[in-house]
C-alpha atoms as a PDB file:
ATOM      1  CA  MET A   1      48.250 109.479  26.323  1.00  0.00           C
ATOM      2  CA  LYS A   2      45.099 111.357  27.680  1.00  0.00           C
ATOM      3  CA  ILE A   3      44.080 110.861  31.648  1.00  0.00           C
ATOM      4  CA  GLU A   4      41.176 112.678  33.030  1.00  0.00           C
ATOM      5  CA  ALA A   5      41.181 114.070  36.527  1.00  0.00           C
ATOM      6  CA  PRO A   6      37.538 114.535  37.711  1.00  0.00           C
ATOM      7  CA  ALA A   7      36.564 116.931  40.231  1.00  0.00           C
ATOM      8  CA  LYS A   8      34.987 116.077  43.776  1.00  0.00           C
ATOM      9  CA  ILE A   9      32.220 117.691  45.506  1.00  0.00           C
ATOM     10  CA  ASN A  10      31.168 117.766  49.231  1.00  0.00           C
ATOM     11  CA  LEU A  11      28.141 115.841  50.066  1.00  0.00           C
ATOM     12  CA  THR A  12      28.403 116.351  53.614  1.00  0.00           C
ATOM     13  CA  LEU A  13      31.166 118.198  55.280  1.00  0.00           C
ATOM     14  CA  TYR A  14      31.337 118.737  59.393  1.00  0.00           C
ATOM     15  CA  VAL A  15      34.682 119.954  61.019  1.00  0.00           C
ATOM     16  CA  THR A  16      34.589 117.787  64.230  1.00  0.00           C
ATOM     17  CA  GLY A  17      37.550 119.266  66.013  1.00  0.00           C
ATOM     18  CA  ARG A  18      41.181 120.927  65.977  1.00  0.00           C
ATOM     19  CA  ARG A  19      44.336 119.082  65.779  1.00  0.00           C
ATOM     20  CA  PRO A  20      47.793 120.141  67.799  1.00  0.00           C
ATOM     21  CA  ASP A  21      49.302 120.734  64.597  1.00  0.00           C
ATOM     22  CA  GLY A  22      47.028 123.272  63.461  1.00  0.00           C
ATOM     23  CA  TYR A  23      45.262 121.300  61.122  1.00  0.00           C
ATOM     24  CA  HIS A  24      41.479 120.076  61.610  1.00  0.00           C
ATOM     25  CA  ASP A  25      39.349 116.844  62.276  1.00  0.00           C
ATOM     26  CA  LEU A  26      36.976 116.538  59.525  1.00  0.00           C
ATOM     27  CA  GLU A  27      34.123 114.007  58.536  1.00  0.00           C
ATOM     28  CA  LEU A  28      33.035 114.243  55.027  1.00  0.00           C
ATOM     29  CA  ILE A  29      31.641 112.341  51.936  1.00  0.00           C
ATOM     30  CA  PHE A  30      33.621 113.182  48.614  1.00  0.00           C
ATOM     31  CA  GLN A  31      31.800 112.783  45.675  1.00  0.00           C
ATOM     32  CA  PRO A  32      33.942 112.734  42.144  1.00  0.00           C
ATOM     33  CA  VAL A  33      31.914 114.159  39.236  1.00  0.00           C
ATOM     34  CA  THR A  34      32.118 113.833  35.522  1.00  0.00           C
ATOM     35  CA  LEU A  35      33.349 117.652  35.220  1.00  0.00           C
ATOM     36  CA  ALA A  36      37.233 116.554  34.910  1.00  0.00           C
ATOM     37  CA  ASP A  37      40.700 118.118  33.571  1.00  0.00           C
ATOM     38  CA  GLU A  38      42.728 116.447  30.976  1.00  0.00           C
ATOM     39  CA  LEU A  39      46.337 115.661  31.456  1.00  0.00           C
ATOM     40  CA  TRP A  40      47.876 115.051  28.016  1.00  0.00           C
ATOM     41  CA  ILE A  41      51.364 113.036  29.094  1.00  0.00           C
ATOM     42  CA  THR A  42      54.242 112.074  26.751  1.00  0.00           C
ATOM     43  CA  ASP A  43      57.547 110.113  27.810  1.00  0.00           C
ATOM     44  CA  ASN A  44      60.620 112.342  27.009  1.00  0.00           C
ATOM     45  CA  VAL A  45      64.438 111.423  27.034  1.00  0.00           C
ATOM     46  CA  GLU A  46      65.275 114.919  29.425  1.00  0.00           C
ATOM     47  CA  ASP A  47      64.879 112.435  32.380  1.00  0.00           C
ATOM     48  CA  ARG A  48      62.586 115.811  33.851  1.00  0.00           C
ATOM     49  CA  LEU A  49      59.350 117.317  33.894  1.00  0.00           C
ATOM     50  CA  ASN A  50      58.009 119.471  31.345  1.00  0.00           C
ATOM     51  CA  PHE A  51      54.792 121.098  32.511  1.00  0.00           C
ATOM     52  CA  SER A  52      52.421 123.372  30.761  1.00  0.00           C
ATOM     53  CA  CYS A  53      48.836 124.603  31.463  1.00  0.00           C
ATOM     54  CA  SER A  54      46.119 126.081  29.421  1.00  0.00           C
ATOM     55  CA  VAL A  55      45.804 128.710  32.177  1.00  0.00           C
ATOM     56  CA  SER A  56      48.990 130.316  32.343  1.00  0.00           C
ATOM     57  CA  ALA A  57      49.227 131.812  35.632  1.00  0.00           C
ATOM     58  CA  LEU A  58      48.663 128.069  37.310  1.00  0.00           C
ATOM     59  CA  GLU A  59      51.942 126.979  35.191  1.00  0.00           C
ATOM     60  CA  THR A  60      54.365 127.262  37.907  1.00  0.00           C
ATOM     61  CA  GLU A  61      56.793 124.756  39.989  1.00  0.00           C
ATOM     62  CA  ASP A  62      54.273 124.829  42.791  1.00  0.00           C
ATOM     63  CA  ASN A  63      51.512 123.262  41.001  1.00  0.00           C
ATOM     64  CA  LEU A  64      50.602 120.351  42.522  1.00  0.00           C
ATOM     65  CA  VAL A  65      51.113 118.295  39.536  1.00  0.00           C
ATOM     66  CA  CYS A  66      55.136 119.586  39.775  1.00  0.00           C
ATOM     67  CA  ARG A  67      55.092 118.741  43.294  1.00  0.00           C
ATOM     68  CA  GLY A  68      53.686 115.234  42.780  1.00  0.00           C
ATOM     69  CA  TYR A  69      56.345 114.376  39.816  1.00  0.00           C
ATOM     70  CA  ARG A  70      58.900 115.900  42.241  1.00  0.00           C
ATOM     71  CA  ALA A  71      57.688 113.175  45.395  1.00  0.00           C
ATOM     72  CA  LEU A  72      57.782 110.364  43.077  1.00  0.00           C
ATOM     73  CA  ALA A  73      61.047 111.155  41.360  1.00  0.00           C
ATOM     74  CA  GLU A  74      62.756 111.984  44.578  1.00  0.00           C
ATOM     75  CA  ARG A  75      61.429 108.590  46.059  1.00  0.00           C
ATOM     76  CA  PHE A  76      62.272 106.470  42.979  1.00  0.00           C
ATOM     77  CA  PRO A  77      65.675 108.031  41.672  1.00  0.00           C
ATOM     78  CA  GLY A  78      66.383 106.558  38.415  1.00  0.00           C
ATOM     79  CA  GLN A  79      63.080 104.386  38.096  1.00  0.00           C
ATOM     80  CA  VAL A  80      60.895 107.363  37.240  1.00  0.00           C
ATOM     81  CA  ARG A  81      61.758 109.213  33.805  1.00  0.00           C
ATOM     82  CA  GLY A  82      60.948 112.091  32.083  1.00  0.00           C
ATOM     83  CA  LEU A  83      57.199 113.314  31.044  1.00  0.00           C
ATOM     84  CA  ASP A  84      55.821 116.098  28.973  1.00  0.00           C
ATOM     85  CA  VAL A  85      52.666 117.174  30.805  1.00  0.00           C
ATOM     86  CA  ARG A  86      49.912 119.209  29.223  1.00  0.00           C
ATOM     87  CA  LEU A  87      47.329 120.358  31.868  1.00  0.00           C
ATOM     88  CA  ASP A  88      43.948 121.258  30.236  1.00  0.00           C
ATOM     89  CA  LYS A  89      41.786 123.075  32.813  1.00  0.00           C
ATOM     90  CA  HIS A  90      37.924 122.710  32.803  1.00  0.00           C
ATOM     91  CA  ILE A  91      37.555 122.683  36.841  1.00  0.00           C
ATOM     92  CA  PRO A  92      37.254 126.117  38.019  1.00  0.00           C
ATOM     93  CA  SER A  93      39.887 127.315  40.209  1.00  0.00           C
ATOM     94  CA  GLY A  94      38.939 128.483  44.017  1.00  0.00           C
ATOM     95  CA  ALA A  95      35.738 126.402  43.610  1.00  0.00           C
ATOM     96  CA  GLY A  96      35.838 123.757  46.494  1.00  0.00           C
ATOM     97  CA  MET A  97      36.109 121.208  43.565  1.00  0.00           C
ATOM     98  CA  GLY A  98      39.320 119.710  44.377  1.00  0.00           C
ATOM     99  CA  GLY A  99      40.880 121.079  40.785  1.00  0.00           C
ATOM    100  CA  GLY A 100      44.808 121.208  41.755  1.00  0.00           C
ATOM    101  CA  SER A 101      44.331 118.142  44.097  1.00  0.00           C
ATOM    102  CA  THR A 102      43.049 115.662  41.499  1.00  0.00           C
ATOM    103  CA  ASP A 103      45.270 116.994  38.669  1.00  0.00           C
ATOM    104  CA  CYS A 104      47.888 115.637  41.254  1.00  0.00           C
ATOM    105  CA  ALA A 105      46.141 112.387  41.749  1.00  0.00           C
ATOM    106  CA  ALA A 106      45.480 111.317  38.420  1.00  0.00           C
ATOM    107  CA  LEU A 107      49.552 112.229  37.655  1.00  0.00           C
ATOM    108  CA  LEU A 108      50.703 109.923  40.597  1.00  0.00           C
ATOM    109  CA  ALA A 109      48.221 107.088  39.760  1.00  0.00           C
ATOM    110  CA  PHE A 110      49.384 107.533  36.255  1.00  0.00           C
ATOM    111  CA  MET A 111      53.449 107.233  37.378  1.00  0.00           C
ATOM    112  CA  ASP A 112      52.582 104.479  39.704  1.00  0.00           C
ATOM    113  CA  ARG A 113      51.126 102.332  36.348  1.00  0.00           C
ATOM    114  CA  HIS A 114      53.379 103.846  34.138  1.00  0.00           C
ATOM    115  CA  PHE A 115      56.813 103.214  35.608  1.00  0.00           C
ATOM    116  CA  GLY A 116      55.732 100.018  37.540  1.00  0.00           C
ATOM    117  CA  LEU A 117      56.791 101.826  40.907  1.00  0.00           C
ATOM    118  CA  GLY A 118      54.179  99.368  43.094  1.00  0.00           C
ATOM    119  CA  LEU A 119      52.883 101.897  45.688  1.00  0.00           C
ATOM    120  CA  GLY A 120      49.181 100.953  44.934  1.00  0.00           C
ATOM    121  CA  PRO A 121      46.328 102.528  46.933  1.00  0.00           C
ATOM    122  CA  SER A 122      47.649 102.660  50.318  1.00  0.00           C
ATOM    123  CA  GLY A 123      51.205 103.987  48.983  1.00  0.00           C
ATOM    124  CA  LEU A 124      49.498 106.632  46.737  1.00  0.00           C
ATOM    125  CA  ILE A 125      47.550 107.836  49.524  1.00  0.00           C
ATOM    126  CA  GLU A 126      50.558 108.469  51.837  1.00  0.00           C
ATOM    127  CA  ILE A 127      52.383 110.289  49.126  1.00  0.00           C
ATOM    128  CA  GLY A 128      49.024 111.938  48.343  1.00  0.00           C
ATOM    129  CA  ALA A 129      48.669 112.991  52.011  1.00  0.00           C
ATOM    130  CA  ARG A 130      51.787 114.834  52.289  1.00  0.00           C
ATOM    131  CA  LEU A 131      51.019 117.139  48.888  1.00  0.00           C
ATOM    132  CA  GLY A 132      47.213 118.343  49.892  1.00  0.00           C
ATOM    133  CA  ALA A 133      44.531 116.655  52.247  1.00  0.00           C
ATOM    134  CA  ASP A 134      42.245 116.333  49.285  1.00  0.00           C
ATOM    135  CA  VAL A 135      44.938 114.261  47.312  1.00  0.00           C
ATOM    136  CA  PRO A 136      43.853 110.846  48.854  1.00  0.00           C
ATOM    137  CA  ALA A 137      40.082 110.763  47.710  1.00  0.00           C
ATOM    138  CA  CYS A 138      40.659 112.224  44.442  1.00  0.00           C
ATOM    139  CA  LEU A 139      42.613 108.849  43.983  1.00  0.00           C
ATOM    140  CA  PHE A 140      39.365 107.249  43.461  1.00  0.00           C
ATOM    141  CA  ARG A 141      36.594 107.448  41.073  1.00  0.00           C
ATOM    142  CA  HIS A 142      33.911 106.686  43.490  1.00  0.00           C
ATOM    143  CA  ALA A 143      32.327 108.227  46.419  1.00  0.00           C
ATOM    144  CA  THR A 144      34.441 107.962  49.709  1.00  0.00           C
ATOM    145  CA  LEU A 145      33.986 108.614  53.440  1.00  0.00           C
ATOM    146  CA  GLY A 146      36.637 110.845  55.037  1.00  0.00           C
ATOM    147  CA  ARG A 147      37.929 111.301  58.230  1.00  0.00           C
ATOM    148  CA  GLY A 148      40.935 112.691  59.815  1.00  0.00           C
ATOM    149  CA  ILE A 149      42.234 115.707  57.766  1.00  0.00           C
ATOM    150  CA  GLY A 150      40.220 113.539  54.768  1.00  0.00           C
ATOM    151  CA  GLU A 151      43.244 111.119  54.464  1.00  0.00           C
ATOM    152  CA  GLN A 152      41.247 108.263  56.278  1.00  0.00           C
ATOM    153  CA  LEU A 153      39.231 106.777  53.760  1.00  0.00           C
ATOM    154  CA  THR A 154      36.426 104.425  53.477  1.00  0.00           C
ATOM    155  CA  ASN A 155      34.777 103.090  49.950  1.00  0.00           C
ATOM    156  CA  ILE A 156      31.327 103.429  49.652  1.00  0.00           C
ATOM    157  CA  ARG A 157      29.986 101.069  47.618  1.00  0.00           C
ATOM    158  CA  THR A 158      27.571 102.707  45.043  1.00  0.00           C
ATOM    159  CA  GLN A 159      26.638 103.173  41.267  1.00  0.00           C
ATOM    160  CA  ALA A 160      24.501 106.387  41.666  1.00  0.00           C
ATOM    161  CA  HIS A 161      24.432 108.545  38.727  1.00  0.00           C
ATOM    162  CA  PHE A 162      22.832 111.668  39.911  1.00  0.00           C
ATOM    163  CA  PRO A 163      22.551 115.079  37.663  1.00  0.00           C
ATOM    164  CA  LEU A 164      23.998 118.158  39.003  1.00  0.00           C
ATOM    165  CA  LEU A 165      24.337 121.877  38.109  1.00  0.00           C
ATOM    166  CA  VAL A 166      27.088 123.708  39.388  1.00  0.00           C
ATOM    167  CA  ILE A 167      27.608 127.174  39.694  1.00  0.00           C
ATOM    168  CA  LYS A 168      30.826 129.048  40.208  1.00  0.00           C
ATOM    169  CA  PRO A 169      30.183 132.810  41.242  1.00  0.00           C
ATOM    170  CA  ASP A 170      33.390 135.072  41.017  1.00  0.00           C
ATOM    171  CA  LEU A 171      33.975 134.957  44.792  1.00  0.00           C
ATOM    172  CA  SER A 172      37.081 133.482  46.629  1.00  0.00           C
ATOM    173  CA  PHE A 173      36.879 132.816  50.220  1.00  0.00           C
ATOM    174  CA  ARG A 174      40.104 132.312  52.516  1.00  0.00           C
ATOM    175  CA  THR A 175      39.656 128.889  53.974  1.00  0.00           C
ATOM    176  CA  GLY A 176      41.827 129.843  57.155  1.00  0.00           C
ATOM    177  CA  GLU A 177      39.036 132.452  57.900  1.00  0.00           C
ATOM    178  CA  MET A 178      36.270 130.214  58.112  1.00  0.00           C
ATOM    179  CA  TYR A 179      37.965 127.682  60.298  1.00  0.00           C
ATOM    180  CA  ALA A 180      38.588 130.253  62.689  1.00  0.00           C
ATOM    181  CA  LYS A 181      34.966 131.083  62.903  1.00  0.00           C
ATOM    182  CA  ILE A 182      34.276 127.752  62.950  1.00  0.00           C
ATOM    183  CA  ASP A 183      36.931 127.510  65.853  1.00  0.00           C
ATOM    184  CA  GLY A 184      35.445 130.580  67.664  1.00  0.00           C
ATOM    185  CA  GLY A 185      31.956 128.413  67.856  1.00  0.00           C
ATOM    186  CA  ALA A 186      30.090 130.237  65.172  1.00  0.00           C
ATOM    187  CA  ALA A 187      29.344 126.646  64.080  1.00  0.00           C
ATOM    188  CA  GLY A 188      29.588 123.099  64.649  1.00  0.00           C
ATOM    189  CA  THR A 189      27.041 119.949  64.606  1.00  0.00           C
ATOM    190  CA  LYS A 190      26.619 117.598  67.329  1.00  0.00           C
ATOM    191  CA  PRO A 191      27.483 113.725  66.469  1.00  0.00           C
ATOM    192  CA  GLU A 192      24.162 112.499  66.683  1.00  0.00           C
ATOM    193  CA  ASP A 193      22.803 115.353  64.474  1.00  0.00           C
ATOM    194  CA  ARG A 194      25.455 114.310  61.758  1.00  0.00           C
ATOM    195  CA  LYS A 195      23.693 113.192  58.653  1.00  0.00           C
ATOM    196  CA  THR A 196      26.975 110.964  57.328  1.00  0.00           C
ATOM    197  CA  GLN A 197      25.472 107.504  57.740  1.00  0.00           C
ATOM    198  CA  GLN A 198      22.343 108.695  56.390  1.00  0.00           C
ATOM    199  CA  MET A 199      24.098 110.173  53.414  1.00  0.00           C
ATOM    200  CA  VAL A 200      26.070 106.428  52.653  1.00  0.00           C
ATOM    201  CA  ALA A 201      22.692 104.886  52.719  1.00  0.00           C
ATOM    202  CA  ALA A 202      21.038 107.196  50.436  1.00  0.00           C
ATOM    203  CA  LEU A 203      24.306 106.428  47.967  1.00  0.00           C
ATOM    204  CA  GLU A 204      23.957 102.933  48.534  1.00  0.00           C
ATOM    205  CA  ALA A 205      20.436 102.832  47.702  1.00  0.00           C
ATOM    206  CA  ASP A 206      20.730 105.252  44.598  1.00  0.00           C
ATOM    207  CA  ASP A 207      18.145 106.971  46.228  1.00  0.00           C
ATOM    208  CA  ALA A 208      18.204 110.789  44.807  1.00  0.00           C
ATOM    209  CA  ALA A 209      15.551 112.195  47.253  1.00  0.00           C
ATOM    210  CA  ALA A 210      17.185 110.848  50.587  1.00  0.00           C
ATOM    211  CA  ALA A 211      20.549 112.049  49.641  1.00  0.00           C
ATOM    212  CA  ALA A 212      19.661 115.445  48.760  1.00  0.00           C
ATOM    213  CA  ALA A 213      17.690 115.647  52.301  1.00  0.00           C
ATOM    214  CA  CYS A 214      21.030 114.920  53.897  1.00  0.00           C
ATOM    215  CA  LEU A 215      23.232 117.690  52.054  1.00  0.00           C
ATOM    216  CA  THR A 216      25.477 119.634  54.374  1.00  0.00           C
ATOM    217  CA  ASN A 217      28.302 121.675  54.644  1.00  0.00           C
ATOM    218  CA  GLU A 218      29.288 123.419  57.866  1.00  0.00           C
ATOM    219  CA  PHE A 219      31.257 126.354  56.014  1.00  0.00           C
ATOM    220  CA  GLU A 220      28.004 127.694  54.856  1.00  0.00           C
ATOM    221  CA  THR A 221      27.406 129.132  58.182  1.00  0.00           C
ATOM    222  CA  VAL A 222      30.702 131.076  58.214  1.00  0.00           C
ATOM    223  CA  VAL A 223      31.150 132.019  54.772  1.00  0.00           C
ATOM    224  CA  PRO A 224      31.782 135.339  53.617  1.00  0.00           C
ATOM    225  CA  GLU A 225      29.269 136.534  51.088  1.00  0.00           C
ATOM    226  CA  GLN A 226      26.307 134.687  52.821  1.00  0.00           C
ATOM    227  CA  GLY A 227      24.245 136.403  51.154  1.00  0.00           C
ATOM    228  CA  ARG A 228      25.141 135.720  47.616  1.00  0.00           C
ATOM    229  CA  ILE A 229      25.884 132.145  48.314  1.00  0.00           C
ATOM    230  CA  GLN A 230      22.448 131.763  49.892  1.00  0.00           C
ATOM    231  CA  ASP A 231      20.666 133.656  46.622  1.00  0.00           C
ATOM    232  CA  LEU A 232      22.387 130.703  44.523  1.00  0.00           C
ATOM    233  CA  LEU A 233      21.454 127.896  46.595  1.00  0.00           C
ATOM    234  CA  THR A 234      17.888 129.271  46.384  1.00  0.00           C
ATOM    235  CA  ARG A 235      17.765 129.297  42.797  1.00  0.00           C
ATOM    236  CA  LEU A 236      18.886 126.064  42.029  1.00  0.00           C
ATOM    237  CA  ARG A 237      16.339 124.887  44.315  1.00  0.00           C
ATOM    238  CA  ARG A 238      13.564 126.807  42.837  1.00  0.00           C
ATOM    239  CA  ALA A 239      14.803 125.560  39.374  1.00  0.00           C
ATOM    240  CA  GLY A 240      13.971 122.026  40.666  1.00  0.00           C
ATOM    241  CA  ALA A 241      16.542 120.886  42.401  1.00  0.00           C
ATOM    242  CA  LEU A 242      16.006 118.526  45.128  1.00  0.00           C
ATOM    243  CA  GLY A 243      18.576 120.027  47.665  1.00  0.00           C
ATOM    244  CA  SER A 244      21.690 122.338  47.010  1.00  0.00           C
ATOM    245  CA  ARG A 245      24.859 122.767  48.699  1.00  0.00           C
ATOM    246  CA  MET A 246      28.533 125.121  48.940  1.00  0.00           C
ATOM    247  CA  THR A 247      31.269 122.388  48.179  1.00  0.00           C
ATOM    248  CA  GLY A 248      34.213 122.542  50.010  1.00  0.00           C
ATOM    249  CA  SER A 249      35.215 125.818  51.483  1.00  0.00           C
ATOM    250  CA  GLY A 250      33.674 127.398  48.312  1.00  0.00           C
ATOM    251  CA  SER A 251      32.737 129.463  46.448  1.00  0.00           C
ATOM    252  CA  ALA A 252      31.115 127.053  43.860  1.00  0.00           C
ATOM    253  CA  VAL A 253      27.649 125.442  44.897  1.00  0.00           C
ATOM    254  CA  PHE A 254      25.969 122.499  43.463  1.00  0.00           C
ATOM    255  CA  GLY A 255      22.079 121.400  42.958  1.00  0.00           C
ATOM    256  CA  LEU A 256      20.951 117.907  42.840  1.00  0.00           C
ATOM    257  CA  PHE A 257      18.251 116.861  40.518  1.00  0.00           C
ATOM    258  CA  ASP A 258      16.017 113.713  40.220  1.00  0.00           C
ATOM    259  CA  GLY A 259      16.630 113.306  36.430  1.00  0.00           C
ATOM    260  CA  ALA A 260      18.509 114.853  33.616  1.00  0.00           C
ATOM    261  CA  GLN A 261      16.023 116.438  31.851  1.00  0.00           C
ATOM    262  CA  GLN A 262      15.022 118.651  35.025  1.00  0.00           C
ATOM    263  CA  ARG A 263      18.766 119.763  35.430  1.00  0.00           C
ATOM    264  CA  ASP A 264      18.776 120.607  31.758  1.00  0.00           C
ATOM    265  CA  LEU A 265      15.838 122.717  32.101  1.00  0.00           C
ATOM    266  CA  ALA A 266      17.337 124.329  35.185  1.00  0.00           C
ATOM    267  CA  PHE A 267      20.811 124.793  32.881  1.00  0.00           C
ATOM    268  CA  VAL A 268      18.774 127.021  30.439  1.00  0.00           C
ATOM    269  CA  ALA A 269      17.172 129.031  33.340  1.00  0.00           C
ATOM    270  CA  LEU A 270      20.359 129.870  35.083  1.00  0.00           C
ATOM    271  CA  ARG A 271      23.275 129.351  32.581  1.00  0.00           C
ATOM    272  CA  ASN A 272      23.256 133.297  32.009  1.00  0.00           C
ATOM    273  CA  LEU A 273      23.462 134.541  35.576  1.00  0.00           C
ATOM    274  CA  PRO A 274      25.840 137.796  35.798  1.00  0.00           C
ATOM    275  CA  GLY A 275      29.219 136.852  37.220  1.00  0.00           C
ATOM    276  CA  CYS A 276      28.818 133.333  37.119  1.00  0.00           C
ATOM    277  CA  ARG A 277      29.805 130.355  35.003  1.00  0.00           C
ATOM    278  CA  VAL A 278      27.580 127.200  35.151  1.00  0.00           C
ATOM    279  CA  PHE A 279      28.392 123.700  34.482  1.00  0.00           C
ATOM    280  CA  ARG A 280      26.364 120.387  33.568  1.00  0.00           C
ATOM    281  CA  CYS A 281      27.655 117.037  35.153  1.00  0.00           C
ATOM    282  CA  GLU A 282      26.843 114.164  36.967  1.00  0.00           C
ATOM    283  CA  THR A 283      27.978 111.945  40.027  1.00  0.00           C
ATOM    284  CA  LEU A 284      30.738 109.378  39.074  1.00  0.00           C
ATOM    285  CA  ASN A 285      30.857 106.084  40.737  1.00  0.00           C
ATOM    286  CA  GLU A 286      32.998 103.908  38.837  1.00  0.00           C
ATOM    287  CA  TRP A 287      34.614 100.390  40.200  1.00  0.00           C
ATOM    288  CA  GLU A 288      37.374  98.571  38.677  1.00  0.00           C
END
């Protein structure tokens, strides 16, 4: 059985405070996209997980797929049976696109259905939040508004289908360092200046131009290699994007376009950027 695990981008991302446990409170909008990893899953009689991955460096017991399987196997002994899982990676690593989190979320949701665990969305969110802050949002194939560390989710009722171009440069950033800079006062947006609700309205209205005007990511102001990130964002806008932003803690950036034709022309213009991988995709908003 093949299960798709969609990547996500952040249409808005605000850091609203630091918690006593060291984590940070956030206000952000998660948006799944059609760029996706694939999990090929088969039952086995060994009562264990046999995991393999197309990227050998990710084929470890610490992979979130393995951790997710163990979490459910420990909670439901005897009910969870053995699986062979082959992960084919298409989402770039170190991109801020939730690659590991969405793989984990896809397996958790599959196991809940396949083994009849009865967890449902609330139970899966609870378990997913213990594994990673982005895992709960990756359980859904539509946009959500996240608060807390990202696990307090509100559905956004939208069917918006915006064409996107994603650029992943050969950079990786330390998220902890960027949080430290934000804590030091190098970034921060006042509550009245946040564009979260405007973005929700733009998505509900399927208004690409209004959504592009609300794109925000506070990490852009403190990210290392700021010059290179800003250059890529500028290139996307010059190539026709209505707006462009970095996603998550980077290093991927994306441009939002008014139509697929404009996006495809930008892809032709930018696909050979040195030291970069370029992907075409769309926002994904599916409702069961």
